[in-house]
């Protein structure tokens, strides 16, 4: 699996955050899956 890239917005410009090991990767995955529609405008079918 490729690394998940995270960004912050500075005055409308996306700036990539430094890569870090996310110790709670499963939690992050579940959080994103539960909020797919809000985050990406996608429905889980």
Protein backbone atom coordinates (compact mmCIF):
# COMPACT_ATOMS: atom_id res chain seq x y z
CA UNK A 1 0.00 0.00 0.00
CA UNK A 2 1.31 3.43 -0.84
CA UNK A 3 1.75 6.09 1.79
CA UNK A 4 -1.18 8.33 2.54
CA UNK A 5 -0.27 11.93 1.78
CA UNK A 6 -1.64 14.66 3.99
CA UNK A 7 -1.86 18.34 3.14
CA UNK A 8 -2.72 21.60 4.79
CA UNK A 9 -4.07 24.65 3.01
CA UNK A 10 -2.20 27.94 3.23
CA UNK A 11 -4.10 30.78 1.56
CA UNK A 12 -5.74 28.33 -0.85
CA UNK A 13 -2.49 26.53 -1.72
CA UNK A 14 -2.06 22.85 -0.77
CA UNK A 15 1.18 22.19 1.10
CA UNK A 16 2.20 18.57 1.64
CA UNK A 17 2.90 17.67 5.26
CA UNK A 18 6.07 15.82 6.21
CA UNK A 19 5.65 12.04 6.15
CA UNK A 20 5.23 10.35 9.53
CA UNK A 21 4.40 6.86 10.61
CA UNK A 22 0.80 6.89 11.76
CA UNK A 23 0.66 4.51 14.71
CA UNK A 24 -3.13 4.43 14.64
CA UNK A 25 -3.43 3.67 10.92
CA UNK A 26 -6.48 1.42 11.40
CA UNK A 27 -8.25 4.22 13.29
CA UNK A 28 -7.49 6.68 10.49
CA UNK A 29 -8.75 4.21 7.89
CA UNK A 30 -12.02 3.70 9.79
CA UNK A 31 -12.44 7.44 10.31
CA UNK A 32 -12.04 8.10 6.59
CA UNK A 33 -14.35 5.23 5.64
CA UNK A 34 -17.07 6.55 7.98
CA UNK A 35 -16.78 10.02 6.45
CA UNK A 36 -16.29 9.22 2.74
CA UNK A 37 -19.25 11.28 1.60
CA UNK A 38 -18.24 14.34 3.58
CA UNK A 39 -14.55 14.14 2.71
CA UNK A 40 -14.77 13.05 -0.93
CA UNK A 41 -18.39 13.41 -2.00
CA UNK A 42 -18.53 9.63 -2.45
CA UNK A 43 -21.27 7.25 -1.35
CA UNK A 44 -20.41 3.87 0.12
CA UNK A 45 -22.66 1.44 -1.70
